[in-house]
Structure formats: C-alpha cells, structure tokens
Amino acid sequence: MKLCPNCFSSGTMRKGACVVCGFSQHTQREERALPAGVILHRRYVLGRVLGVGGFGITYVAYDQKEHGRLAVKEYFPAEWAMRASQGNQIIPNSRSQKDVYRRGKEVFINEAEVLRKLRKVPSIVDVRDLFKENGTAYMVMELLEGSTLSGYMKAQQIRMMPWEQADRIIRDAGMALEQVHAMKLLHRDIGPDNIMMDKDGTVHLIDFGATRIYAMDSQKSMSVLLKPGFTPIEQYSRKGEQGPWTDVYALAATYYYLVTGKKPPEAPDRISGVQLMSLSQCVPGIPEDISRAVEHALCFKWQQRTRDVKGFLKEMGLLQIPVSDMVVRGRWRRYPFGDDRVLTIGRTAERSRVVLDDSQVSGLHCKIVYDPSAGDFLVENYSGNCTFTSRGTLERGQKAFLKKGEWIYIQTAKERYIFYMEVE
C-alpha cells in the first residue's frame, strides 16, 4: 500500500514505518481483519485496525469524498461467523448460526440508527454513514483517538484513580447520558469498557448496541444483557422494570470501580446476602456525601434507587446549576440558566430568556455564560446602553468575568435591574 495505513500520507513509508506519524507495519495484524487498502462503498479506504471486539472490528479509514480520516466499524461476530476463504465476504459458521447472525446484524444496524438520532448530543460519537456490503454491515463514525477507561487504567498501570478525577469523568458521562434519556432511550451497557477518553481528555459514551427505546408505562419485555458487577437486578429478567434508574446503577457502579479498583458485587450475589461495602469504608478521605450518593444509586431495588442521572449528579455534588437572582425595588425573582448554561437578558422574548419591559433595554442587552470548570460567569454587553458589573462598566462588545455572588445591573430612566450570580 502506497499510503500510510494510519495517517494516509502518500509515499511516506520507509522500511515499514511512516516518517510522518511513526506508524509501523511490523505491528501484529488481526488475522480476521480486512487488509489495508481495501475500498468499501466505493469511498472508504481501510487502514490499520483500531480495535477488535466480540461483535466487530473497527478500522481507521480515509474518506475519498470528504478527504478526511474516519473510523469504520464492521459487523463481524467471531462466535457466529467467519471470513470466506476467497474475497472479503463474511458468512455464518453454519446453517444453525444463520438466524442468530442475521439478528445480530439487525442489532448492529439499530445501534447506528440510535447514534444518528444522538448526533447533536455532545460526548457521543457522530455516525456519518451506514451501508451493507460483503454480507455484513458497516458503520462509519468520526474518528476518536484515545482509550476506554479500562484501557486507560491498564496503560497507566493503575488499579484505581483519585476520586477527584473520577468525579469529572462520571459528571461528563452522566450529562451525556441524561440527554440520551431525554430522548426516551436507555444505554443499558454502561461500564468502564464503554466510556472513552480521547487524547484531549474529553469523555465519550460509546457502544450503543444494547440501547432500547423505553416508556414508563411500557409492558414490553427487553432483552437480557449482562455486565456482571455493573448490571442491576431488573436487567437480569426480560420483564424487569427498566428505566433511567437502570443506567444510573451502572454509572454509579463504574464510579465505584474507578475509585476502588473493584466491581460492586454481582446483583444475584446480593440476593444471597453479599454486602456492598460503602466507599467511605474503601476509599480514605472520600467525602461522605459522595459515598452516600453512590450507595443510594446502587440500591438493590430500583424503587429505592436514585431515579435519574440528574438526581445522582446532584447528590454527588457534581451538578452545579447556575441561576441569577434579579432584584427590583426589593422584590426578588430567580432565573435559571438554560441547558447550555446561558442566560440572555433583553427586551424581546425572541432574543432573550429574561424579558424586561423597558424601552431603554435593548432587544438583546447582554448575555451571561457559565463555565462550571472554572466557576466563572462570562458577561458580554450587546447594547449601546452600558451594562454595569461588580468588575466595572461594559460598553458595547466588552466582556467581564464574574464569580458567584457578584452582580450586574442595567440602569434605565424607569428602573435599576440588578442580577446576582449564583450556583445551586
């Protein structure tokens, strides 16, 4: 292959290694994988293997149409199928495996369709294309370069991570999962193998093959999918009452594993009397409220468990909700920021979340953006009339960073509107 199987630079391979990215062709190759250079769908040039799982192989690929690198996942269940001796076709191992191979392919296609619905959700991989070829199916995704939490801990040679680091990971994964639930979807396979950190440290939820649509009043059975230690008891039965609390259990179990290096006891063992040790017993110095929140989220019975991800993150102290308290003539009113952590103030409802019926207030007078990582409120003035802040006066286009407890006000001939920055 004239192109590098990793970066796809042309003519850069010297003695089996790429002089641009350092990729070496001497690395061991997966025997079942398609060879580098194969073109799928008359568009995607396959390169090196990114990963191999029980149900598929993922490759780095080059998109000849858009001229960029992507990831291509091939449905290839090792237990049920094999590569034909001639060509690239994948065929069931036997006639008896034909139906199970076909059903597995339907699940694979369902995963791609679910991910397409979630394209605008941050921290979830973006699916670009889906097609059938070689007797199987292929999913084309954005290329995420990094490792799963399991892979990260193995590479770092650590058995457990500091709880402060785990806090950030679980918060980011939980915020993405909350948006999945808002679309009436359950992931049902959360664990350290299905949460990934890219090279920039951004957290991503991956592997949506087990995802299902749910309804709170649904009587439909769901397939049994088990990840011992991370799966709650209701998921062991096709008729179990599954909902957001099911994913909450798995998310809390993942946190437990990250900070202790041990999985929680398997759900059936808990029926037999095996006790769950609290984090306060296992992790010296961990805050008691975090220990209680995890214990609540890992309640054996779903009826007693934390009901949703937002509740779990709040109990953990990881969900900071920015609000602004407005005071006019001694009267107070609280305005929560939007889900994007933005609060807009102005005269027109089309442009502003907080509407002030005052002719001297501009349609969009100012915007406040909350950054939870820094604890800052960024205030930007859009009006020819000033926005006054505890850090100084803002002219049109000027910005200021405020902290919790600081204030802004808008002054007109009619009124002074004061806004205090707060976090719930």
Protein backbone atom coordinates (compact mmCIF):
# COMPACT_ATOMS: atom_id res chain seq x y z
CA MET A 1 0.00 0.00 0.00
CA LYS A 2 1.50 3.35 -1.02
CA LEU A 3 -0.49 5.22 1.59
CA CYS A 4 0.31 5.02 5.30
CA PRO A 5 -2.36 2.77 6.91
CA ASN A 6 -2.67 5.24 9.79
CA CYS A 7 -2.34 8.84 8.54
CA PHE A 8 -2.86 8.03 4.82
CA SER A 9 0.05 10.22 3.76
CA SER A 10 1.34 9.22 0.33
CA GLY A 11 4.87 7.91 -0.20
CA THR A 12 5.89 8.26 3.46
CA MET A 13 6.59 4.60 4.29
CA ARG A 14 10.29 3.87 4.83
CA LYS A 15 11.38 0.35 5.86
CA GLY A 16 7.86 -0.43 7.03
CA ALA A 17 7.38 2.75 9.10
CA CYS A 18 5.74 6.09 8.31
CA VAL A 19 8.11 9.07 8.57
CA VAL A 20 5.10 11.38 9.22
CA CYS A 21 3.13 9.66 12.02
CA GLY A 22 5.54 6.90 13.08
CA PHE A 23 3.14 4.03 12.34
CA SER A 24 4.95 0.69 11.91
CA GLN A 25 3.67 -2.07 9.63
CA HIS A 26 5.53 -4.56 11.81
CA THR A 27 2.81 -4.37 14.48
CA GLN A 28 0.85 -7.60 14.75
CA ARG A 29 -2.17 -7.65 12.46
CA GLU A 30 -5.58 -9.11 13.27
CA GLU A 31 -5.97 -12.23 11.10
CA ARG A 32 -9.73 -11.81 10.64
CA ALA A 33 -9.47 -8.17 9.54
CA LEU A 34 -9.66 -6.85 6.02
CA PRO A 35 -6.25 -5.91 4.61
CA ALA A 36 -5.20 -2.27 4.49
CA GLY A 37 -6.06 -0.66 1.16
CA VAL A 38 -9.48 -2.31 0.70
CA ILE A 39 -12.05 0.23 -0.51
CA LEU A 40 -15.60 -0.06 0.86
CA HIS A 41 -18.71 1.54 -0.60
CA ARG A 42 -16.51 2.90 -3.43
CA ARG A 43 -15.43 5.57 -0.99
CA TYR A 44 -13.71 4.47 2.25
CA VAL A 45 -10.09 3.27 2.11
CA LEU A 46 -9.37 0.99 5.07
CA GLY A 47 -6.17 1.34 7.08
CA ARG A 48 -4.96 -0.16 10.34
CA VAL A 49 -7.18 -1.94 12.86
CA LEU A 50 -8.25 0.29 15.75
CA GLY A 51 -9.89 -2.39 17.85
CA VAL A 52 -11.40 -5.85 17.86
CA GLY A 53 -14.43 -6.89 19.90
CA GLY A 54 -16.63 -9.93 20.14
CA PHE A 55 -19.06 -8.49 17.60
CA GLY A 56 -16.94 -6.41 15.28
CA ILE A 57 -13.71 -4.93 14.01
CA THR A 58 -13.05 -1.19 13.86
CA TYR A 59 -10.63 0.30 11.33
CA VAL A 60 -9.19 3.74 10.70
CA ALA A 61 -10.25 4.79 7.19
CA TYR A 62 -9.85 7.58 4.67
CA ASP A 63 -12.91 9.19 3.08
CA GLN A 64 -12.06 9.81 -0.59
CA LYS A 65 -15.05 12.12 -0.98
CA GLU A 66 -14.61 14.36 2.08
CA HIS A 67 -10.81 13.89 2.28
CA GLY A 68 -10.57 13.09 5.96
CA ARG A 69 -9.89 10.26 8.40
CA LEU A 70 -12.80 8.36 9.93
CA ALA A 71 -13.48 5.13 11.79
CA VAL A 72 -15.30 2.24 10.12
CA LYS A 73 -16.84 -0.49 12.26
CA GLU A 74 -17.51 -3.86 10.60
CA TYR A 75 -20.11 -6.24 11.99
CA PHE A 76 -18.15 -9.48 12.47
CA PRO A 77 -19.28 -11.69 15.40
CA ALA A 78 -16.40 -14.11 15.89
CA GLU A 79 -18.61 -16.73 17.53
CA TRP A 80 -21.15 -16.91 14.71
CA ALA A 81 -19.31 -16.06 11.50
CA MET A 82 -16.07 -16.27 9.55
CA ARG A 83 -14.40 -14.59 6.60
CA ALA A 84 -14.79 -16.55 3.36
CA SER A 85 -11.55 -18.11 2.08
CA GLN A 86 -11.91 -16.18 -1.17
CA GLY A 87 -12.82 -12.49 -1.11
CA ASN A 88 -14.00 -10.26 1.72
CA GLN A 89 -17.41 -11.84 2.39
CA ILE A 90 -18.49 -12.67 5.94
CA ILE A 91 -20.62 -15.79 6.23
CA PRO A 92 -22.30 -17.58 9.17
CA ASN A 93 -20.35 -20.53 10.57
CA SER A 94 -23.21 -22.91 9.84
CA ARG A 95 -26.86 -23.03 8.86
CA SER A 96 -27.83 -23.14 12.52
CA GLN A 97 -25.98 -19.85 13.08
CA LYS A 98 -27.63 -18.10 10.13
CA ASP A 99 -30.58 -16.70 12.08
CA VAL A 100 -28.55 -15.56 15.07
CA TYR A 101 -26.06 -13.89 12.70
CA ARG A 102 -28.92 -12.07 10.95
CA ARG A 103 -30.46 -10.93 14.27
CA GLY A 104 -27.08 -9.69 15.44
CA LYS A 105 -26.74 -7.66 12.26
CA GLU A 106 -30.12 -6.07 12.95
CA VAL A 107 -28.87 -5.05 16.42
CA PHE A 108 -25.74 -3.57 14.83
CA ILE A 109 -27.84 -1.53 12.38
CA ASN A 110 -30.09 -0.44 15.26
CA GLU A 111 -27.01 0.87 17.08
CA ALA A 112 -26.10 3.02 14.07
CA GLU A 113 -29.64 4.38 13.80
CA VAL A 114 -29.68 5.22 17.53
CA LEU A 115 -26.39 7.07 17.21
CA ARG A 116 -27.73 9.02 14.25
CA LYS A 117 -30.57 10.26 16.46
CA LEU A 118 -27.99 11.38 19.01
CA ARG A 119 -25.76 13.27 16.56
CA LYS A 120 -26.20 16.60 18.31
CA VAL A 121 -25.53 15.26 21.80
CA PRO A 122 -22.03 16.21 22.99
CA SER A 123 -19.77 13.35 24.13
CA ILE A 124 -21.46 10.80 21.85
CA VAL A 125 -19.73 9.58 18.72
CA ASP A 126 -21.09 11.03 15.46
CA VAL A 127 -22.24 8.41 12.92
CA ARG A 128 -21.76 9.63 9.34
CA ASP A 129 -22.81 6.66 7.20
CA LEU A 130 -24.26 3.14 7.31
CA PHE A 131 -24.20 0.60 4.49
CA LYS A 132 -24.30 -3.14 3.75
CA GLU A 133 -21.53 -4.89 1.86
CA ASN A 134 -19.65 -8.22 1.92
CA GLY A 135 -22.63 -9.96 3.51
CA THR A 136 -22.41 -7.72 6.57
CA ALA A 137 -22.93 -4.10 7.64
CA TYR A 138 -20.57 -1.17 8.20
CA MET A 139 -20.92 1.90 10.38
CA VAL A 140 -18.87 5.00 9.52
CA MET A 141 -18.11 7.25 12.51
CA GLU A 142 -16.00 10.21 13.50
CA LEU A 143 -12.53 9.08 14.50
CA LEU A 144 -11.94 9.21 18.26
CA GLU A 145 -8.34 8.62 19.23
CA GLY A 146 -7.96 7.65 22.85
CA SER A 147 -8.83 4.74 25.11
CA THR A 148 -11.64 3.35 27.21
CA LEU A 149 -11.47 3.82 30.96
CA SER A 150 -10.37 0.20 31.28
CA GLY A 151 -7.69 0.75 28.66
CA TYR A 152 -6.58 3.99 30.28
CA MET A 153 -6.12 2.38 33.70
CA LYS A 154 -4.22 -0.52 32.16
CA ALA A 155 -1.95 1.83 30.16
CA GLN A 156 -1.31 3.98 33.24
CA GLN A 157 -0.71 0.82 35.29
CA ILE A 158 -3.11 1.95 38.00
CA ARG A 159 -5.65 -0.18 39.83
CA MET A 160 -7.73 2.80 40.92
CA MET A 161 -7.84 6.52 40.21
CA PRO A 162 -8.22 9.53 42.54
CA TRP A 163 -11.86 10.25 43.29
CA GLU A 164 -11.43 13.86 42.10
CA GLN A 165 -10.51 12.57 38.63
CA ALA A 166 -13.34 10.05 38.65
CA ASP A 167 -15.75 12.87 39.58
CA ARG A 168 -15.05 14.73 36.35
CA ILE A 169 -15.34 11.61 34.19
CA ILE A 170 -18.64 10.50 35.70
CA ARG A 171 -20.04 14.03 35.58
CA ASP A 172 -19.31 14.35 31.86
CA ALA A 173 -20.55 10.84 31.07
CA GLY A 174 -23.67 11.46 33.18
CA MET A 175 -24.53 14.73 31.43
CA ALA A 176 -24.38 12.94 28.06
CA LEU A 177 -26.43 10.04 29.43
CA GLU A 178 -29.07 12.44 30.71
CA GLN A 179 -29.60 13.68 27.15
CA VAL A 180 -29.88 10.09 25.93
CA HIS A 181 -32.65 9.53 28.48
CA ALA A 182 -34.39 12.74 27.39
CA MET A 183 -34.89 11.04 24.01
CA LYS A 184 -36.59 8.07 25.71
CA LEU A 185 -33.56 5.85 25.16
CA LEU A 186 -31.64 3.64 27.59
CA HIS A 187 -28.00 2.70 27.03
CA ARG A 188 -28.15 -0.48 29.18
CA ASP A 189 -24.43 -1.28 28.86
CA ILE A 190 -22.60 1.45 30.79
CA GLY A 191 -19.24 0.40 32.18
CA PRO A 192 -15.52 1.20 32.05
CA ASP A 193 -15.29 -0.51 28.63
CA ASN A 194 -17.96 1.77 27.15
CA ILE A 195 -16.77 5.14 28.38
CA MET A 196 -13.87 6.56 26.41
CA MET A 197 -11.43 9.43 26.89
CA ASP A 198 -9.95 10.93 23.75
CA LYS A 199 -6.42 12.33 23.56
CA ASP A 200 -7.70 15.73 24.78
CA GLY A 201 -9.31 14.14 27.86
CA THR A 202 -12.88 14.60 26.58
CA VAL A 203 -15.24 11.86 27.78
CA HIS A 204 -17.41 9.97 25.27
CA LEU A 205 -20.12 7.33 25.65
CA ILE A 206 -19.63 4.50 23.14
CA ASP A 207 -21.16 1.14 22.17
CA PHE A 208 -24.90 1.73 21.87
CA GLY A 209 -25.62 -1.78 20.56
CA ALA A 210 -27.78 -2.61 23.59
CA THR A 211 -29.76 0.65 23.52
CA ARG A 212 -33.52 0.38 23.59
CA ILE A 213 -36.47 2.73 23.47
CA TYR A 214 -38.44 2.75 26.71
CA ALA A 215 -41.68 4.17 28.01
CA MET A 216 -42.51 4.46 31.67
CA ASP A 217 -45.80 2.59 31.18
CA SER A 218 -44.48 0.08 28.66
CA GLN A 219 -45.23 -3.60 29.25
CA LYS A 220 -42.86 -4.76 26.51
CA SER A 221 -40.05 -7.08 27.52
CA MET A 222 -36.44 -6.08 26.97
CA SER A 223 -33.60 -8.38 26.03
CA VAL A 224 -31.33 -9.58 28.81
CA LEU A 225 -27.87 -8.03 28.67
CA LEU A 226 -25.42 -8.61 31.48
CA LYS A 227 -22.22 -6.87 32.53
CA PRO A 228 -21.53 -8.57 35.89
CA GLY A 229 -21.00 -6.07 38.68
CA PHE A 230 -22.43 -3.21 36.63
CA THR A 231 -25.85 -4.68 35.77
CA PRO A 232 -28.76 -4.12 38.22
CA ILE A 233 -31.08 -6.96 39.13
CA GLU A 234 -34.00 -5.75 36.96
CA GLN A 235 -31.86 -6.26 33.86
CA TYR A 236 -31.47 -9.97 34.59
CA SER A 237 -35.08 -10.52 33.54
CA ARG A 238 -36.76 -9.77 30.22
CA LYS A 239 -39.72 -8.44 32.20
CA GLY A 240 -37.65 -6.36 34.62
CA GLU A 241 -38.78 -2.77 35.17
CA GLN A 242 -36.04 -0.92 33.31
CA GLY A 243 -35.74 2.85 33.13
CA PRO A 244 -33.22 5.66 33.68
CA TRP A 245 -32.52 4.16 37.14
CA THR A 246 -31.06 1.12 35.33
CA ASP A 247 -28.34 3.24 33.72
CA VAL A 248 -27.90 5.17 36.99
CA TYR A 249 -26.92 1.90 38.70
CA ALA A 250 -24.35 1.12 36.01
CA LEU A 251 -22.93 4.66 36.10
CA ALA A 252 -22.56 4.52 39.90
CA ALA A 253 -21.02 1.04 39.64
CA THR A 254 -18.49 2.44 37.16
CA TYR A 255 -17.56 5.20 39.62
CA TYR A 256 -17.23 2.57 42.37
CA TYR A 257 -14.87 0.55 40.17
CA LEU A 258 -12.75 3.57 39.20
CA VAL A 259 -12.06 4.67 42.78
CA THR A 260 -11.77 1.21 44.43
CA GLY A 261 -10.37 -0.95 41.63
CA LYS A 262 -13.12 -3.47 42.39
CA LYS A 263 -16.52 -4.14 40.84
CA PRO A 264 -19.55 -4.00 43.13
CA PRO A 265 -20.92 -7.46 43.99
CA GLU A 266 -22.96 -9.01 41.20
CA ALA A 267 -26.70 -8.47 41.62
CA PRO A 268 -27.61 -12.17 42.10
CA ASP A 269 -24.92 -12.45 44.80
CA ARG A 270 -26.50 -9.53 46.63
CA ILE A 271 -29.73 -11.55 46.78
CA SER A 272 -27.69 -14.24 48.54
CA GLY A 273 -26.55 -11.76 51.16
CA VAL A 274 -23.23 -10.45 49.79
CA GLN A 275 -22.91 -6.91 51.15
CA LEU A 276 -21.85 -3.80 49.24
CA MET A 277 -19.07 -2.02 51.11
CA SER A 278 -19.57 1.73 51.15
CA LEU A 279 -16.98 3.96 49.53
CA SER A 280 -16.27 5.61 52.89
CA GLN A 281 -15.06 2.18 54.06
CA CYS A 282 -12.95 1.57 50.93
CA VAL A 283 -11.53 4.97 49.96
CA PRO A 284 -9.80 7.04 52.65
CA GLY A 285 -10.75 10.71 52.53
CA ILE A 286 -13.62 10.44 50.08
CA PRO A 287 -16.42 12.89 51.00
CA GLU A 288 -19.30 11.29 52.88
CA ASP A 289 -21.91 12.83 50.56
CA ILE A 290 -20.29 11.09 47.57
CA SER A 291 -20.28 7.78 49.43
CA ARG A 292 -23.98 8.19 50.30
CA ALA A 293 -24.88 9.21 46.73
CA VAL A 294 -23.18 6.13 45.24
CA GLU A 295 -24.80 3.86 47.84
CA HIS A 296 -28.22 5.34 47.02
CA ALA A 297 -27.65 4.85 43.26
CA LEU A 298 -26.60 1.23 43.89
CA CYS A 299 -29.71 0.33 45.87
CA PHE A 300 -30.64 -3.23 45.01
CA LYS A 301 -34.35 -2.49 44.45
CA TRP A 302 -35.00 0.01 41.65
CA GLN A 303 -37.90 1.55 43.60
CA GLN A 304 -35.46 2.69 46.31
CA ARG A 305 -32.75 3.80 43.91
CA THR A 306 -31.91 7.28 42.61
CA ARG A 307 -34.47 7.82 39.88
CA ASP A 308 -32.45 9.67 37.24
CA VAL A 309 -28.97 10.81 36.31
CA LYS A 310 -29.60 14.44 37.23
CA GLY A 311 -30.58 13.37 40.75
CA PHE A 312 -27.47 11.22 41.04
CA LEU A 313 -25.13 14.01 39.92
CA LYS A 314 -26.80 16.47 42.29
CA GLU A 315 -26.39 14.08 45.23
CA MET A 316 -22.75 13.63 44.23
CA GLY A 317 -22.31 17.41 44.28
CA LEU A 318 -21.28 17.31 40.62
CA LEU A 319 -24.22 19.12 39.05
CA GLN A 320 -23.89 22.84 39.52
CA ILE A 321 -26.95 24.73 38.27
CA PRO A 322 -26.25 28.42 37.57
CA VAL A 323 -29.04 30.88 38.39
CA SER A 324 -29.41 34.63 38.55
CA ASP A 325 -31.41 36.37 41.25
CA MET A 326 -32.93 39.61 39.98
CA VAL A 327 -33.97 42.30 42.44
CA VAL A 328 -36.11 45.30 41.54
CA ARG A 329 -37.42 47.62 44.28
CA GLY A 330 -36.79 44.97 46.94
CA ARG A 331 -38.62 42.21 45.05
CA TRP A 332 -36.62 39.11 44.14
CA ARG A 333 -37.07 36.69 41.27
CA ARG A 334 -34.86 33.72 40.35
CA TYR A 335 -33.98 32.90 36.71
CA PRO A 336 -32.29 29.55 35.93
CA PHE A 337 -29.84 29.39 33.06
CA GLY A 338 -30.68 27.23 30.02
CA ASP A 339 -29.35 23.71 29.49
CA ASP A 340 -26.49 25.34 27.55
CA ARG A 341 -25.59 27.34 30.72
CA VAL A 342 -26.52 30.59 29.01
CA LEU A 343 -28.77 33.40 30.30
CA THR A 344 -29.77 36.19 27.91
CA ILE A 345 -31.31 39.45 29.12
CA GLY A 346 -33.17 41.94 26.93
CA ARG A 347 -36.46 43.46 25.83
CA THR A 348 -37.70 40.86 23.29
CA ALA A 349 -38.67 37.25 24.01
CA GLU A 350 -37.32 36.14 20.61
CA ARG A 351 -33.78 37.05 21.67
CA SER A 352 -33.80 36.92 25.45
CA ARG A 353 -34.56 34.40 28.20
CA VAL A 354 -35.15 37.20 30.73
CA VAL A 355 -37.50 39.79 29.22
CA LEU A 356 -37.54 43.34 30.67
CA ASP A 357 -40.44 45.51 29.51
CA ASP A 358 -38.46 48.72 29.27
CA SER A 359 -37.85 50.77 26.10
CA GLN A 360 -34.28 51.62 27.17
CA VAL A 361 -33.33 47.97 27.37
CA SER A 362 -32.05 46.59 24.04
CA GLY A 363 -33.67 43.59 22.32
CA LEU A 364 -30.65 41.55 23.42
CA HIS A 365 -28.95 43.64 26.07
CA CYS A 366 -26.39 41.22 27.50
CA LYS A 367 -25.52 37.53 27.66
CA ILE A 368 -24.13 35.56 30.60
CA VAL A 369 -22.36 32.22 30.07
CA TYR A 370 -21.43 29.96 32.99
CA ASP A 371 -18.25 27.84 32.87
CA PRO A 372 -18.53 25.12 35.57
CA SER A 373 -14.91 24.03 35.25
CA ALA A 374 -13.65 27.50 36.20
CA GLY A 375 -16.67 28.67 38.21
CA ASP A 376 -16.80 31.82 36.07
CA PHE A 377 -19.72 33.82 34.69
CA LEU A 378 -18.73 35.49 31.40
CA VAL A 379 -20.83 38.63 30.86
CA GLU A 380 -20.92 40.25 27.41
CA ASN A 381 -22.69 43.53 26.66
CA TYR A 382 -24.51 43.85 23.31
CA SER A 383 -26.18 47.19 23.93
CA GLY A 384 -25.29 50.81 23.25
CA ASN A 385 -26.54 51.39 26.78
CA CYS A 386 -23.99 50.10 29.28
CA THR A 387 -24.14 47.00 31.43
CA PHE A 388 -22.69 47.72 34.88
CA THR A 389 -20.86 44.94 36.75
CA SER A 390 -19.02 44.49 40.03
CA ARG A 391 -15.83 44.46 37.90
CA GLY A 392 -16.57 47.71 36.02
CA THR A 393 -18.72 49.22 33.28
CA LEU A 394 -19.13 47.33 29.98
CA GLU A 395 -19.55 49.22 26.71
CA ARG A 396 -20.93 47.50 23.60
CA GLY A 397 -18.85 44.39 22.79
CA GLN A 398 -16.95 44.38 26.06
CA LYS A 399 -16.78 41.38 28.41
CA ALA A 400 -16.09 40.66 32.07
CA PHE A 401 -15.62 37.52 34.17
CA LEU A 402 -17.58 37.37 37.42
CA LYS A 403 -17.64 34.90 40.30
CA LYS A 404 -20.53 33.51 42.32
CA GLY A 405 -22.07 36.27 44.45
CA GLU A 406 -21.02 39.10 42.13
CA TRP A 407 -23.56 41.20 40.23
CA ILE A 408 -24.52 43.13 37.13
CA TYR A 409 -27.18 45.80 36.71
CA ILE A 410 -28.93 47.59 33.87
CA GLN A 411 -29.89 51.21 34.58
CA THR A 412 -32.74 52.98 32.76
CA ALA A 413 -34.78 56.10 33.49
CA LYS A 414 -37.54 53.80 34.65
CA GLU A 415 -35.68 51.26 36.80
CA ARG A 416 -32.46 49.64 38.01
CA TYR A 417 -32.42 45.89 37.31
CA ILE A 418 -29.84 44.08 39.49
CA PHE A 419 -28.79 40.48 38.82
CA TYR A 420 -26.72 38.41 41.30
CA MET A 421 -24.76 35.40 40.03
CA GLU A 422 -25.45 32.20 41.99
CA VAL A 423 -24.97 28.44 41.71
CA GLU A 424 -27.44 25.98 43.23
